[in-house]
Amino acid sequence: MTTTENPRIVMFGADWCRDCRRSKAVLDADGIDYEYVDTEAIEDAADRAKAISGRMNIPVIVFPDGSHLVEPSDADLRAKLATV
């Protein structure tokens, strides 16, 4: 999957990840339509997230414009959402 194939925000994360839960809470509270990709449940998801970010850290949040954030603060995520 490339970002051009999905006009929605895509978030790669895991349930055990506190930063992932925090970013999901921001997206949910703001009513954002996004796809959640569980890196524990989907076999190649962690590899896909690493290919996008070049890092092993999650969450990786990919935006329709092709940009991404890794482990964003709530403020950074909300600032990016304001431009989507």
C-alpha atoms as a PDB file:
ATOM      1  CA  MET A   1       0.000   0.000   0.000  1.00  0.00           C
ATOM      2  CA  THR A   2       1.220   3.461  -0.821  1.00  0.00           C
ATOM      3  CA  THR A   3      -0.309   6.632   0.510  1.00  0.00           C
ATOM      4  CA  THR A   4      -1.687   7.437  -2.943  1.00  0.00           C
ATOM      5  CA  GLU A   5      -3.778   4.266  -2.703  1.00  0.00           C
ATOM      6  CA  ASN A   6      -5.445   5.397   0.517  1.00  0.00           C
ATOM      7  CA  PRO A   7      -6.795   8.942   0.834  1.00  0.00           C
ATOM      8  CA  ARG A   8      -7.396   8.361   4.557  1.00  0.00           C
ATOM      9  CA  ILE A   9      -4.940   8.787   7.376  1.00  0.00           C
ATOM     10  CA  VAL A  10      -3.256   5.487   8.245  1.00  0.00           C
ATOM     11  CA  MET A  11      -1.901   4.860  11.728  1.00  0.00           C
ATOM     12  CA  PHE A  12       0.468   1.968  12.440  1.00  0.00           C
ATOM     13  CA  GLY A  13       0.494   1.051  16.114  1.00  0.00           C
ATOM     14  CA  ALA A  14       0.061  -1.583  18.812  1.00  0.00           C
ATOM     15  CA  ASP A  15      -2.270  -1.876  21.786  1.00  0.00           C
ATOM     16  CA  TRP A  16       0.641  -2.098  24.266  1.00  0.00           C
ATOM     17  CA  CYS A  17       2.108   1.204  23.039  1.00  0.00           C
ATOM     18  CA  ARG A  18       1.203   4.187  25.239  1.00  0.00           C
ATOM     19  CA  ASP A  19       2.051   6.729  22.502  1.00  0.00           C
ATOM     20  CA  CYS A  20      -0.171   4.791  20.097  1.00  0.00           C
ATOM     21  CA  ARG A  21      -3.094   4.857  22.521  1.00  0.00           C
ATOM     22  CA  ARG A  22      -2.563   8.588  23.055  1.00  0.00           C
ATOM     23  CA  SER A  23      -2.477   9.350  19.308  1.00  0.00           C
ATOM     24  CA  LYS A  24      -5.557   7.170  18.719  1.00  0.00           C
ATOM     25  CA  ALA A  25      -7.352   9.130  21.441  1.00  0.00           C
ATOM     26  CA  VAL A  26      -6.559  12.398  19.652  1.00  0.00           C
ATOM     27  CA  LEU A  27      -7.796  11.061  16.313  1.00  0.00           C
ATOM     28  CA  ASP A  28     -10.936   9.586  17.897  1.00  0.00           C
ATOM     29  CA  ALA A  29     -11.725  12.709  19.936  1.00  0.00           C
ATOM     30  CA  ASP A  30     -11.446  14.859  16.822  1.00  0.00           C
ATOM     31  CA  GLY A  31     -13.692  12.491  14.848  1.00  0.00           C
ATOM     32  CA  ILE A  32     -10.984  11.761  12.282  1.00  0.00           C
ATOM     33  CA  ASP A  33     -11.647   9.000   9.761  1.00  0.00           C
ATOM     34  CA  TYR A  34      -8.502   6.851   9.761  1.00  0.00           C
ATOM     35  CA  GLU A  35      -7.323   3.318   9.212  1.00  0.00           C
ATOM     36  CA  TYR A  36      -5.633   1.634  12.178  1.00  0.00           C
ATOM     37  CA  VAL A  37      -3.032  -0.992  11.278  1.00  0.00           C
ATOM     38  CA  ASP A  38      -2.097  -3.180  14.256  1.00  0.00           C
ATOM     39  CA  THR A  39       1.595  -4.025  13.983  1.00  0.00           C
ATOM     40  CA  GLU A  40       1.119  -7.026  16.277  1.00  0.00           C
ATOM     41  CA  ALA A  41      -1.876  -8.558  14.491  1.00  0.00           C
ATOM     42  CA  ILE A  42      -0.957  -7.957  10.839  1.00  0.00           C
ATOM     43  CA  GLU A  43       2.074  -9.926   9.700  1.00  0.00           C
ATOM     44  CA  ASP A  44       3.857  -7.316   7.558  1.00  0.00           C
ATOM     45  CA  ALA A  45       2.594  -4.184   9.328  1.00  0.00           C
ATOM     46  CA  ALA A  46       5.757  -3.510  11.360  1.00  0.00           C
ATOM     47  CA  ASP A  47       7.870  -3.855   8.223  1.00  0.00           C
ATOM     48  CA  ARG A  48       5.553  -1.485   6.351  1.00  0.00           C
ATOM     49  CA  ALA A  49       5.744   1.080   9.154  1.00  0.00           C
ATOM     50  CA  LYS A  50       9.545   0.847   9.202  1.00  0.00           C
ATOM     51  CA  ALA A  51       9.702   1.213   5.410  1.00  0.00           C
ATOM     52  CA  ILE A  52       7.721   4.448   5.695  1.00  0.00           C
ATOM     53  CA  SER A  53       9.551   6.006   8.622  1.00  0.00           C
ATOM     54  CA  GLY A  54      12.979   4.391   8.493  1.00  0.00           C
ATOM     55  CA  ARG A  55      12.605   3.713  12.222  1.00  0.00           C
ATOM     56  CA  MET A  56      11.259   0.991  14.489  1.00  0.00           C
ATOM     57  CA  ASN A  57       9.254   3.461  16.605  1.00  0.00           C
ATOM     58  CA  ILE A  58       5.457   3.588  16.622  1.00  0.00           C
ATOM     59  CA  PRO A  59       3.017   5.093  16.101  1.00  0.00           C
ATOM     60  CA  VAL A  60       3.694   5.947  12.496  1.00  0.00           C
ATOM     61  CA  ILE A  61       0.884   8.131  11.183  1.00  0.00           C
ATOM     62  CA  VAL A  62       0.723   8.559   7.410  1.00  0.00           C
ATOM     63  CA  PHE A  63      -1.271  11.396   5.868  1.00  0.00           C
ATOM     64  CA  PRO A  64      -2.952  11.540   2.452  1.00  0.00           C
ATOM     65  CA  ASP A  65      -0.318  14.034   1.234  1.00  0.00           C
ATOM     66  CA  GLY A  66       2.372  11.372   1.742  1.00  0.00           C
ATOM     67  CA  SER A  67       3.897  12.948   4.835  1.00  0.00           C
ATOM     68  CA  HIS A  68       4.151  11.064   8.121  1.00  0.00           C
ATOM     69  CA  LEU A  69       4.755  11.590  11.816  1.00  0.00           C
ATOM     70  CA  VAL A  70       6.491   9.189  14.181  1.00  0.00           C
ATOM     71  CA  GLU A  71       5.630   9.297  17.888  1.00  0.00           C
ATOM     72  CA  PRO A  72       4.097  12.761  17.579  1.00  0.00           C
ATOM     73  CA  SER A  73       3.129  14.852  20.567  1.00  0.00           C
ATOM     74  CA  ASP A  74      -0.571  15.670  20.806  1.00  0.00           C
ATOM     75  CA  ALA A  75       0.231  19.253  19.789  1.00  0.00           C
ATOM     76  CA  ASP A  76       2.224  18.149  16.714  1.00  0.00           C
ATOM     77  CA  LEU A  77      -0.526  15.733  15.664  1.00  0.00           C
ATOM     78  CA  ARG A  78      -3.258  18.349  16.053  1.00  0.00           C
ATOM     79  CA  ALA A  79      -1.167  20.901  14.125  1.00  0.00           C
ATOM     80  CA  LYS A  80      -0.789  18.437  11.231  1.00  0.00           C
ATOM     81  CA  LEU A  81      -4.496  17.517  11.364  1.00  0.00           C
ATOM     82  CA  ALA A  82      -5.344  21.195  10.953  1.00  0.00           C
ATOM     83  CA  THR A  83      -3.653  21.110   7.535  1.00  0.00           C
ATOM     84  CA  VAL A  84      -5.305  17.916   6.261  1.00  0.00           C
END
